[in-house]
N, C-alpha and C. Protein backbone atom coordinates (compact mmCIF):
# COMPACT_ATOMS: atom_id res chain seq x y z
N TRP A 1 -137.88 23.54 179.01
CA TRP A 1 -138.34 24.19 180.17
C TRP A 1 -138.68 23.38 181.35
N PHE A 2 -138.74 22.65 181.65
CA PHE A 2 -139.30 21.86 182.90
C PHE A 2 -138.78 21.50 183.69
N CYS A 3 -136.52 21.62 182.97
CA CYS A 3 -135.65 21.22 183.76
C CYS A 3 -135.80 22.51 184.48
N ASP A 4 -135.35 23.67 183.61
CA ASP A 4 -135.63 24.71 184.70
C ASP A 4 -136.71 25.05 185.45
N MET A 5 -137.62 24.73 185.16
CA MET A 5 -139.29 24.85 185.83
C MET A 5 -138.60 23.58 187.96
N HIS A 6 -138.39 22.77 187.32
CA HIS A 6 -137.99 21.53 188.40
C HIS A 6 -136.65 22.01 188.69
N ARG A 7 -135.70 22.66 188.00
CA ARG A 7 -134.36 22.83 188.85
C ARG A 7 -134.98 24.04 190.66
N GLY A 8 -136.00 25.30 190.00
CA GLY A 8 -136.28 25.83 190.89
C GLY A 8 -137.09 25.22 191.40
N ALA A 9 -137.86 25.03 191.79
CA ALA A 9 -138.67 24.54 192.57
C ALA A 9 -138.15 22.85 193.37
N LEU A 10 -137.00 22.81 193.26
CA LEU A 10 -135.80 21.78 193.87
C LEU A 10 -134.56 22.86 194.98
N ALA A 11 -134.89 24.28 194.59
CA ALA A 11 -133.66 24.94 194.73
C ALA A 11 -134.75 25.22 196.64
N ILE A 12 -133.84 25.82 197.62
CA ILE A 12 -133.23 25.96 198.19
C ILE A 12 -134.76 26.83 198.77
N SER A 13 -133.97 28.51 198.11
CA SER A 13 -134.26 29.70 197.84
C SER A 13 -133.59 30.38 196.83
N ASN A 14 -133.74 30.88 196.28
CA ASN A 14 -132.86 32.21 195.76
C ASN A 14 -133.33 33.62 195.88
N ILE A 15 -132.46 34.47 195.68
CA ILE A 15 -132.21 35.73 196.07
C ILE A 15 -133.08 37.04 194.71
N GLY A 16 -133.57 37.09 194.01
CA GLY A 16 -133.72 38.08 192.96
C GLY A 16 -133.26 39.44 192.96
N ALA A 17 -134.14 40.42 192.45
CA ALA A 17 -133.79 41.81 192.85
C ALA A 17 -134.09 41.87 194.22
N VAL A 18 -133.03 42.80 194.43
CA VAL A 18 -132.99 44.30 195.42
C VAL A 18 -133.86 45.19 195.53
N ARG A 19 -133.93 45.97 196.05
CA ARG A 19 -134.45 46.98 195.94
C ARG A 19 -134.37 48.30 197.09
N GLN A 20 -134.31 49.16 197.29
CA GLN A 20 -133.81 50.36 198.68
C GLN A 20 -134.57 51.33 198.18
N ILE A 21 -135.74 51.96 199.21
CA ILE A 21 -136.27 52.97 198.88
C ILE A 21 -135.62 53.94 200.27
N ILE A 22 -134.83 54.78 200.46
CA ILE A 22 -134.03 55.80 201.30
C ILE A 22 -134.69 57.10 200.97
N SER A 23 -135.15 57.91 202.65
CA SER A 23 -135.93 58.76 202.90
C SER A 23 -134.53 59.76 203.85
N GLU A 24 -134.67 60.34 203.40
CA GLU A 24 -134.00 61.12 205.02
C GLU A 24 -133.73 60.48 206.10
N THR A 25 -135.20 59.71 206.46
CA THR A 25 -134.72 59.13 208.15
C THR A 25 -135.32 57.78 208.04
N ARG A 26 -135.54 56.97 206.42
CA ARG A 26 -136.18 56.08 206.45
C ARG A 26 -136.02 55.21 205.35
N MET A 27 -135.83 53.65 205.50
CA MET A 27 -135.34 52.94 204.30
C MET A 27 -135.64 52.02 204.57
N VAL A 28 -136.30 51.59 203.17
CA VAL A 28 -137.29 50.04 202.49
C VAL A 28 -136.30 49.65 201.52
N SER A 29 -136.01 48.29 202.41
CA SER A 29 -135.32 46.94 201.60
C SER A 29 -136.27 46.00 201.28
N GLU A 30 -136.74 45.86 199.68
CA GLU A 30 -137.15 45.27 199.32
C GLU A 30 -136.54 43.83 198.32
N PHE A 31 -136.26 42.24 199.44
CA PHE A 31 -135.74 41.45 198.09
C PHE A 31 -136.72 40.06 197.57
N GLU A 32 -136.38 39.99 196.64
CA GLU A 32 -137.63 38.94 195.65
C GLU A 32 -136.80 37.82 196.42
N VAL A 33 -137.48 37.34 196.52
CA VAL A 33 -137.43 35.25 196.97
C VAL A 33 -138.31 35.21 196.22
N ARG A 34 -137.72 33.78 195.95
CA ARG A 34 -137.74 32.34 195.54
C ARG A 34 -137.68 31.31 196.13
N ALA A 35 -138.86 29.92 196.43
CA ALA A 35 -137.75 28.88 196.92
C ALA A 35 -138.96 27.77 196.62
N GLY A 36 -138.42 26.08 196.99
CA GLY A 36 -139.36 26.05 196.80
C GLY A 36 -140.19 25.30 196.71
N ALA A 37 -141.10 25.10 196.35
CA ALA A 37 -142.92 24.14 196.94
C ALA A 37 -142.75 23.34 197.70
N VAL A 38 -141.90 22.44 196.99
CA VAL A 38 -141.64 21.15 198.30
C VAL A 38 -140.60 20.59 197.62
N PRO A 39 -139.34 20.90 198.41
CA PRO A 39 -138.50 20.57 198.04
C PRO A 39 -137.55 19.46 197.66
N PHE A 40 -138.27 19.07 198.92
CA PHE A 40 -137.81 17.23 199.82
C PHE A 40 -138.81 16.53 199.91
N LEU A 41 -139.88 16.82 199.19
CA LEU A 41 -141.19 15.94 198.99
C LEU A 41 -141.04 13.78 199.46
N ALA A 42 -140.29 13.51 199.64
CA ALA A 42 -139.20 11.65 199.57
C ALA A 42 -139.45 11.86 201.06
N ASP A 43 -139.24 13.50 201.45
CA ASP A 43 -138.44 13.17 203.08
C ASP A 43 -139.78 13.45 204.05
N LEU A 44 -141.09 13.23 203.42
CA LEU A 44 -141.89 13.99 204.07
C LEU A 44 -142.93 12.92 204.02
N THR A 45 -143.12 12.07 202.87
CA THR A 45 -144.01 10.97 203.06
C THR A 45 -143.62 9.97 201.66
N LYS A 46 -143.79 9.20 202.07
CA LYS A 46 -143.42 7.31 201.06
C LYS A 46 -143.97 7.30 200.34
N VAL A 47 -145.63 7.66 200.52
CA VAL A 47 -146.45 7.59 199.85
C VAL A 47 -146.77 8.66 198.12
N LEU A 48 -145.95 9.64 198.31
CA LEU A 48 -145.61 10.35 197.64
C LEU A 48 -144.17 10.59 197.14
N ALA A 49 -143.54 9.50 196.98
CA ALA A 49 -142.12 9.57 197.11
C ALA A 49 -141.91 9.48 195.87
N TYR A 50 -141.12 11.03 195.17
CA TYR A 50 -140.51 10.11 193.47
C TYR A 50 -139.16 11.79 193.84
N SER A 51 -138.57 11.31 192.84
CA SER A 51 -136.98 12.46 192.87
C SER A 51 -137.02 14.03 193.15
N GLY A 52 -138.40 14.76 193.92
CA GLY A 52 -137.89 15.45 194.05
C GLY A 52 -139.64 16.37 194.21
N GLY A 53 -139.17 17.72 194.22
CA GLY A 53 -140.88 18.46 194.87
C GLY A 53 -141.64 18.94 192.91
N TRP A 54 -142.68 19.17 193.89
CA TRP A 54 -143.64 20.04 192.68
C TRP A 54 -142.60 20.61 191.80
N PRO A 55 -143.15 20.97 190.02
CA PRO A 55 -141.92 21.88 189.21
C PRO A 55 -143.23 23.26 189.28
N VAL A 56 -143.00 23.52 190.20
CA VAL A 56 -143.92 25.18 190.80
C VAL A 56 -142.62 25.91 192.07
N THR A 57 -143.00 27.42 192.26
CA THR A 57 -141.85 27.73 192.74
C THR A 57 -142.76 28.73 194.30
N ILE A 58 -142.14 29.13 195.20
CA ILE A 58 -143.34 29.94 196.20
C ILE A 58 -142.40 31.01 195.99
N ASP A 59 -142.77 31.94 195.69
CA ASP A 59 -142.22 33.50 195.47
C ASP A 59 -142.70 34.57 195.74
N GLY A 60 -142.25 35.39 196.25
CA GLY A 60 -142.33 36.30 197.38
C GLY A 60 -141.75 37.79 197.38
N SER A 61 -142.01 38.76 198.41
CA SER A 61 -140.53 39.57 198.68
C SER A 61 -140.62 39.81 200.33
N ILE A 62 -139.28 39.28 200.71
CA ILE A 62 -139.07 39.72 201.89
C ILE A 62 -138.83 41.68 202.13
N VAL A 63 -139.72 42.50 202.70
CA VAL A 63 -139.99 44.24 202.61
C VAL A 63 -139.24 44.34 204.65
N SER A 64 -138.36 44.89 204.43
CA SER A 64 -137.88 45.38 205.21
C SER A 64 -138.06 46.80 205.85
N SER A 65 -138.31 47.65 206.56
CA SER A 65 -138.52 48.70 207.27
C SER A 65 -137.91 49.36 208.20
N ALA A 66 -137.00 50.66 208.21
CA ALA A 66 -136.01 50.48 209.45
C ALA A 66 -135.39 52.36 209.49
N ASP A 67 -135.76 52.94 210.73
CA ASP A 67 -135.87 54.24 211.34
C ASP A 67 -133.88 54.10 210.89
N ILE A 68 -132.97 55.29 209.89
CA ILE A 68 -131.56 55.42 209.49
C ILE A 68 -131.58 56.79 210.03
N THR A 69 -130.15 56.47 210.95
CA THR A 69 -129.54 58.50 211.45
C THR A 69 -128.09 58.27 210.77
N PRO A 70 -128.02 59.36 210.29
CA PRO A 70 -126.55 59.61 209.90
C PRO A 70 -125.69 59.35 210.66
N VAL A 71 -124.29 59.04 210.57
CA VAL A 71 -123.55 58.57 211.44
C VAL A 71 -121.91 58.83 210.47
N GLN A 72 -120.80 59.39 211.23
CA GLN A 72 -120.19 59.19 210.51
C GLN A 72 -119.61 59.98 209.79
N ASP A 73 -119.97 61.01 210.06
CA ASP A 73 -119.83 62.41 209.21
C ASP A 73 -120.69 61.89 207.89
N GLY A 74 -121.83 61.53 208.02
CA GLY A 74 -122.92 61.04 207.08
C GLY A 74 -122.40 60.10 205.89
N ASN A 75 -121.55 59.54 206.20
CA ASN A 75 -121.11 58.51 205.22
C ASN A 75 -121.41 56.98 205.44
N ALA A 76 -122.49 57.41 206.45
CA ALA A 76 -122.50 55.82 207.20
C ALA A 76 -124.15 56.22 207.73
N TRP A 77 -125.03 55.28 208.23
CA TRP A 77 -126.06 55.52 208.26
C TRP A 77 -126.18 53.69 209.72
N GLU A 78 -126.83 54.58 210.68
CA GLU A 78 -127.43 53.31 211.80
C GLU A 78 -128.23 52.77 211.55
N ILE A 79 -128.62 51.95 211.64
CA ILE A 79 -129.92 51.31 211.04
C ILE A 79 -130.70 50.92 212.18
N PHE A 80 -131.88 51.26 212.23
CA PHE A 80 -133.15 50.70 213.77
C PHE A 80 -134.22 49.59 212.58
N MET A 81 -134.09 48.49 212.92
CA MET A 81 -135.30 47.78 212.10
C MET A 81 -136.35 48.08 212.88
N ASP A 82 -137.55 48.25 211.99
CA ASP A 82 -138.88 48.66 212.69
C ASP A 82 -139.90 47.70 212.17
N THR A 83 -140.45 46.87 210.75
CA THR A 83 -141.11 46.08 210.91
C THR A 83 -140.26 45.33 209.36
N VAL A 84 -140.99 43.93 209.44
CA VAL A 84 -141.04 43.11 207.90
C VAL A 84 -141.88 42.30 207.69
N GLU A 85 -142.48 42.45 206.80
CA GLU A 85 -143.75 41.86 206.03
C GLU A 85 -143.32 41.22 205.01
N ILE A 86 -143.56 40.15 204.23
CA ILE A 86 -144.24 39.30 203.18
C ILE A 86 -145.21 40.15 202.20
N LYS A 87 -144.22 40.52 200.73
CA LYS A 87 -145.38 41.43 199.71
C LYS A 87 -145.49 39.98 199.02
N GLY A 88 -145.93 40.58 197.75
CA GLY A 88 -146.56 39.58 196.46
C GLY A 88 -146.36 38.62 196.75
N SER A 89 -146.62 37.67 197.50
CA SER A 89 -146.75 36.39 197.87
C SER A 89 -147.51 35.87 197.01
N ASN A 90 -147.07 34.52 196.08
CA ASN A 90 -147.94 33.73 195.11
C ASN A 90 -148.35 32.51 196.08
N ILE A 91 -148.64 32.26 197.07
CA ILE A 91 -149.67 31.06 197.75
C ILE A 91 -151.06 31.79 198.16
N PRO A 92 -151.83 31.02 197.06
CA PRO A 92 -153.42 31.07 197.52
C PRO A 92 -153.47 31.27 199.12
N GLY A 93 -154.48 32.19 199.82
CA GLY A 93 -155.14 32.30 201.00
C GLY A 93 -153.85 33.39 201.82
N VAL A 94 -152.98 32.72 201.76
CA VAL A 94 -151.55 33.96 202.80
C VAL A 94 -151.46 35.03 202.14
N ARG A 95 -151.71 35.11 200.72
CA ARG A 95 -151.38 36.28 200.14
C ARG A 95 -152.26 37.15 200.50
N GLN A 96 -153.67 37.01 200.62
CA GLN A 96 -154.97 37.77 201.08
C GLN A 96 -154.44 38.08 202.44
N ALA A 97 -154.00 37.47 203.42
CA ALA A 97 -154.07 37.81 204.58
C ALA A 97 -152.68 38.37 204.60
N LEU A 98 -151.17 38.02 204.20
CA LEU A 98 -150.43 39.23 203.95
C LEU A 98 -150.63 40.14 203.55
N ASP A 99 -151.72 41.32 202.49
CA ASP A 99 -151.53 41.78 202.32
C ASP A 99 -152.89 42.67 202.81
N GLN A 100 -153.17 42.34 203.73
CA GLN A 100 -154.41 42.98 204.85
C GLN A 100 -153.05 43.96 205.68
N GLY A 101 -152.23 43.72 206.17
CA GLY A 101 -151.04 44.50 206.48
C GLY A 101 -150.07 43.71 207.86
N LEU A 102 -150.36 42.35 207.45
CA LEU A 102 -149.74 41.86 208.41
C LEU A 102 -148.10 41.76 208.45
N LYS A 103 -147.51 42.47 210.04
CA LYS A 103 -146.31 42.85 209.55
C LYS A 103 -145.40 42.11 210.92
N LEU A 104 -143.97 41.35 211.05
CA LEU A 104 -143.34 41.30 211.61
C LEU A 104 -143.05 42.73 212.59
N PRO A 105 -143.85 42.82 214.16
CA PRO A 105 -142.51 44.00 214.86
C PRO A 105 -141.38 44.00 215.02
N SER A 106 -140.54 44.18 214.26
CA SER A 106 -139.07 43.43 214.94
C SER A 106 -138.97 44.54 216.13
N ARG A 107 -139.02 45.89 216.23
CA ARG A 107 -138.70 46.58 216.86
C ARG A 107 -139.39 45.90 218.62
N GLY A 108 -141.06 46.19 218.05
CA GLY A 108 -141.61 45.67 219.40
C GLY A 108 -141.09 44.13 219.94
N LEU A 109 -140.18 43.17 219.60
CA LEU A 109 -140.38 41.85 219.66
C LEU A 109 -138.66 41.93 220.90
N ALA A 110 -138.02 43.17 219.77
CA ALA A 110 -136.70 43.11 220.53
C ALA A 110 -136.82 43.98 221.89
N LYS A 111 -137.56 45.28 221.62
CA LYS A 111 -137.80 45.41 222.90
C LYS A 111 -138.60 44.62 223.88
N VAL A 112 -139.10 43.67 224.15
CA VAL A 112 -139.78 42.65 225.00
C VAL A 112 -138.25 41.94 225.24
N LEU A 113 -137.84 41.55 224.38
CA LEU A 113 -136.26 40.66 224.85
C LEU A 113 -135.01 41.67 225.87
N GLU A 114 -135.24 43.30 224.95
CA GLU A 114 -134.36 44.08 226.01
C GLU A 114 -134.60 44.25 227.27
N ASP A 115 -135.88 44.42 227.35
CA ASP A 115 -136.70 44.32 229.19
C ASP A 115 -136.75 43.40 229.81
N ASN A 116 -136.44 42.26 229.45
CA ASN A 116 -136.21 40.48 230.01
C ASN A 116 -135.26 40.17 229.84
N ILE A 117 -134.26 39.79 229.31
CA ILE A 117 -133.15 40.04 228.89
C ILE A 117 -131.92 40.73 228.89
N SER A 118 -131.38 40.51 230.19
CA SER A 118 -130.37 41.85 231.21
C SER A 118 -128.37 42.20 229.96
N THR A 119 -128.75 40.91 229.03
CA THR A 119 -127.45 40.87 228.37
C THR A 119 -127.48 41.24 226.85
N TYR A 120 -129.18 41.51 226.13
CA TYR A 120 -129.69 41.34 225.27
C TYR A 120 -128.97 43.10 224.56
N SER A 121 -129.48 43.66 224.09
CA SER A 121 -129.51 45.67 223.83
C SER A 121 -129.74 45.31 221.66
N ASN A 122 -130.82 45.54 222.00
CA ASN A 122 -131.08 45.94 220.18
C ASN A 122 -130.60 46.56 219.08
N PRO A 123 -130.10 45.24 218.50
CA PRO A 123 -128.64 46.19 217.64
C PRO A 123 -129.13 46.89 216.09
N LYS A 124 -127.93 47.90 216.49
CA LYS A 124 -128.11 48.63 215.28
C LYS A 124 -127.26 49.35 214.44
N PRO A 125 -126.54 47.89 213.57
CA PRO A 125 -125.56 48.20 212.71
C PRO A 125 -125.62 49.34 211.98
N VAL A 126 -124.45 49.49 211.47
CA VAL A 126 -123.99 50.34 210.99
C VAL A 126 -123.62 50.35 209.24
N PHE A 127 -124.55 50.98 207.94
CA PHE A 127 -124.07 50.73 206.93
C PHE A 127 -123.61 51.44 206.04
N GLN A 128 -122.31 51.50 206.04
CA GLN A 128 -121.25 52.62 205.53
C GLN A 128 -121.33 52.77 203.53
N THR A 129 -121.23 53.73 203.35
CA THR A 129 -121.18 53.87 201.83
C THR A 129 -119.70 54.64 201.58
N THR A 130 -119.50 54.23 200.86
CA THR A 130 -117.90 53.76 200.41
C THR A 130 -117.42 54.74 198.87
N TYR A 131 -118.72 54.93 197.99
CA TYR A 131 -118.99 55.29 196.65
C TYR A 131 -119.97 55.39 196.38
N LEU A 132 -120.55 56.98 195.83
CA LEU A 132 -121.54 57.71 195.71
C LEU A 132 -121.37 58.35 194.76
N SER A 133 -122.47 58.20 193.29
CA SER A 133 -122.68 58.58 191.95
C SER A 133 -123.83 58.57 192.09
N ASP A 134 -123.75 59.91 190.63
CA ASP A 134 -125.95 60.03 190.35
C ASP A 134 -125.90 58.77 190.08
N THR A 135 -125.52 57.52 190.14
CA THR A 135 -126.26 55.72 189.42
C THR A 135 -125.94 55.13 189.99
N ILE A 136 -124.85 55.57 191.03
CA ILE A 136 -124.05 54.34 191.06
C ILE A 136 -124.38 54.02 193.25
N ARG A 137 -124.10 53.32 193.58
CA ARG A 137 -123.78 53.45 195.49
C ARG A 137 -123.15 52.25 195.93
N ILE A 138 -122.26 52.21 196.75
CA ILE A 138 -121.52 51.31 197.13
C ILE A 138 -121.48 51.51 198.33
N SER A 139 -121.90 50.28 198.93
CA SER A 139 -121.68 50.36 200.71
C SER A 139 -121.27 49.07 200.79
N ARG A 140 -121.07 49.38 202.49
CA ARG A 140 -120.51 47.83 203.31
C ARG A 140 -121.08 47.61 204.46
N ASP A 141 -121.43 46.44 204.92
CA ASP A 141 -122.37 46.20 206.51
C ASP A 141 -121.30 46.21 207.35
N GLN A 142 -121.76 45.85 208.59
CA GLN A 142 -120.63 45.90 209.53
C GLN A 142 -119.51 44.88 209.38
N ASP A 143 -120.37 43.69 208.72
CA ASP A 143 -118.88 42.66 208.27
C ASP A 143 -118.43 43.04 207.40
N GLY A 144 -118.39 44.06 206.62
CA GLY A 144 -117.11 44.24 205.62
C GLY A 144 -118.20 44.00 204.37
N LYS A 145 -119.47 43.08 204.15
CA LYS A 145 -119.77 42.57 202.93
C LYS A 145 -120.26 44.09 202.23
N ILE A 146 -119.71 43.68 200.93
CA ILE A 146 -120.40 44.90 199.73
C ILE A 146 -121.47 44.60 199.13
N PHE A 147 -122.00 46.15 199.10
CA PHE A 147 -123.26 46.63 197.80
C PHE A 147 -123.06 47.24 197.32
N VAL A 148 -123.76 46.52 196.29
CA VAL A 148 -123.56 48.20 194.68
C VAL A 148 -124.94 47.61 194.66
N TYR A 149 -125.24 48.69 194.30
CA TYR A 149 -126.64 49.33 194.25
C TYR A 149 -126.80 50.31 192.67
N THR A 150 -127.15 50.20 192.13
CA THR A 150 -127.39 51.30 190.76
C THR A 150 -129.25 51.58 190.80
N LYS A 151 -128.65 53.03 190.14
CA LYS A 151 -130.05 53.61 190.40
C LYS A 151 -130.89 53.74 189.27
N VAL A 152 -132.41 53.12 189.46
CA VAL A 152 -133.06 52.52 188.07
C VAL A 152 -133.76 54.28 188.18
N ASP A 153 -134.43 54.05 188.80
CA ASP A 153 -135.57 55.57 188.85
C ASP A 153 -135.14 56.36 190.12
N ASP A 154 -135.85 57.39 189.84
CA ASP A 154 -136.48 58.34 191.02
C ASP A 154 -137.23 58.34 192.06
N SER A 155 -137.99 56.90 191.27
CA SER A 155 -139.32 57.02 192.77
C SER A 155 -139.17 56.29 194.59
N THR A 156 -139.72 57.08 194.72
CA THR A 156 -139.31 56.19 195.86
C THR A 156 -141.01 55.91 196.60
N ASP A 157 -141.79 55.06 195.55
CA ASP A 157 -142.85 54.50 195.95
C ASP A 157 -142.42 53.26 196.10
N PRO A 158 -143.26 52.14 197.44
CA PRO A 158 -142.78 50.28 197.10
C PRO A 158 -143.32 50.19 195.92
N THR A 159 -142.08 49.12 195.94
CA THR A 159 -142.92 48.24 194.79
C THR A 159 -144.76 48.21 194.54
N ASP A 160 -145.48 48.34 193.70
CA ASP A 160 -146.73 47.45 194.42
C ASP A 160 -147.28 46.11 192.95
N TYR A 161 -147.29 45.25 194.41
CA TYR A 161 -147.22 43.87 194.14
C TYR A 161 -148.90 43.31 193.80
N SER A 162 -149.26 44.37 193.53
CA SER A 162 -151.19 43.49 193.29
C SER A 162 -151.36 43.11 192.55
N GLY A 163 -150.09 43.11 191.18
CA GLY A 163 -150.06 42.76 189.83
C GLY A 163 -150.29 40.92 190.14
N THR A 164 -149.16 40.70 191.23
CA THR A 164 -148.48 39.18 191.41
C THR A 164 -149.56 38.09 191.28
N VAL A 165 -150.00 37.52 190.91
CA VAL A 165 -150.96 36.16 191.51
C VAL A 165 -150.52 35.05 191.90
N SER A 166 -151.63 34.80 192.54
CA SER A 166 -151.07 34.07 193.58
C SER A 166 -151.38 32.79 193.75
N ASP A 167 -151.09 32.16 192.68
CA ASP A 167 -151.64 31.03 192.17
C ASP A 167 -150.43 29.21 192.21
N LEU A 168 -149.78 29.93 193.50
CA LEU A 168 -148.43 28.86 194.10
C LEU A 168 -147.61 28.65 192.50
N GLY A 169 -147.15 29.54 191.20
CA GLY A 169 -146.77 29.48 190.17
C GLY A 169 -147.34 28.56 189.40
N ILE A 170 -149.05 28.05 189.28
CA ILE A 170 -149.61 26.95 188.57
C ILE A 170 -149.59 27.55 187.22
N THR A 171 -150.15 28.79 187.15
CA THR A 171 -150.25 29.67 185.55
C THR A 171 -148.96 29.62 184.95
N LYS A 172 -147.74 29.85 185.34
CA LYS A 172 -146.57 30.27 184.71
C LYS A 172 -146.34 28.33 184.60
N LEU A 173 -146.46 27.74 184.74
CA LEU A 173 -146.36 26.10 184.96
C LEU A 173 -147.13 25.90 183.75
N LEU A 174 -148.24 26.30 183.49
CA LEU A 174 -148.97 25.99 182.13
C LEU A 174 -148.29 26.66 180.95
N GLU A 175 -148.11 28.06 181.28
CA GLU A 175 -147.91 28.72 180.22
C GLU A 175 -146.34 27.81 179.81
N GLY A 176 -145.80 27.42 180.54
CA GLY A 176 -144.03 26.42 179.95
C GLY A 176 -145.02 25.79 179.10
N PHE A 177 -145.96 25.01 179.64
CA PHE A 177 -146.42 23.54 179.13
C PHE A 177 -146.87 23.37 177.17
N ASN A 178 -147.73 24.99 177.82
CA ASN A 178 -148.45 25.24 176.51
C ASN A 178 -147.29 25.54 175.19
N ASP A 179 -146.60 26.61 176.08
CA ASP A 179 -145.14 26.43 175.18
C ASP A 179 -144.56 26.47 174.64
N SER A 180 -143.79 24.88 175.30
CA SER A 180 -142.80 24.16 174.63
C SER A 180 -143.51 22.48 174.87
N ILE A 181 -145.70 22.73 174.33
CA ILE A 181 -145.28 21.29 173.87
C ILE A 181 -146.72 21.55 173.13
N LEU A 182 -147.59 22.46 174.15
CA LEU A 182 -149.08 22.92 173.11
C LEU A 182 -148.97 23.66 171.70
N LYS A 183 -148.64 24.17 172.55
CA LYS A 183 -147.95 24.89 171.52
C LYS A 183 -149.41 25.69 170.30
N PHE A 184 -150.57 25.93 171.56
CA PHE A 184 -151.51 26.39 171.10
C PHE A 184 -151.51 28.13 171.55
N TYR A 185 -152.34 28.35 170.60
CA TYR A 185 -152.71 29.56 170.90
C TYR A 185 -153.92 30.84 170.30
N LEU A 186 -154.18 31.50 170.78
CA LEU A 186 -154.93 31.91 170.25
C LEU A 186 -155.42 33.24 169.90
């Protein structure tokens, strides 16, 4: 148990579940991400230096929204990024600010770049579907990377992250300590 928690804390980042919600004109992608809370504590301070970081992780989901336009006879979408936000963060304080609707307006930032840098144009990558059934979609991005998606349900609602506890994973650490060592249950 502790080794698993410690290994997670030392990881730079891991991607968990990925979910896409697609309508006729819009795509929302949700990527669960876990990163080490303080993976290289010894590099930051000699006073607190030891063999690694805290045995907790920073968790959350990166949620990007984009407009999509069918291309290539409907076998692909041109993606026009709109916003990026973090949802379900377990960082106290930060979570509350993020839940108030704080978003990175990536389309707006790209427009500023286009208006001020003559050689810049807002990218609109193409995401091609190479296989589609009722339960599986296989797609390729503009670099040829393959993505395999399975249909879990018919819901088109974004994930509700309100139940995620913003405690930096301390609750999970204490539960693991109890389950592995104390074994005290009510």
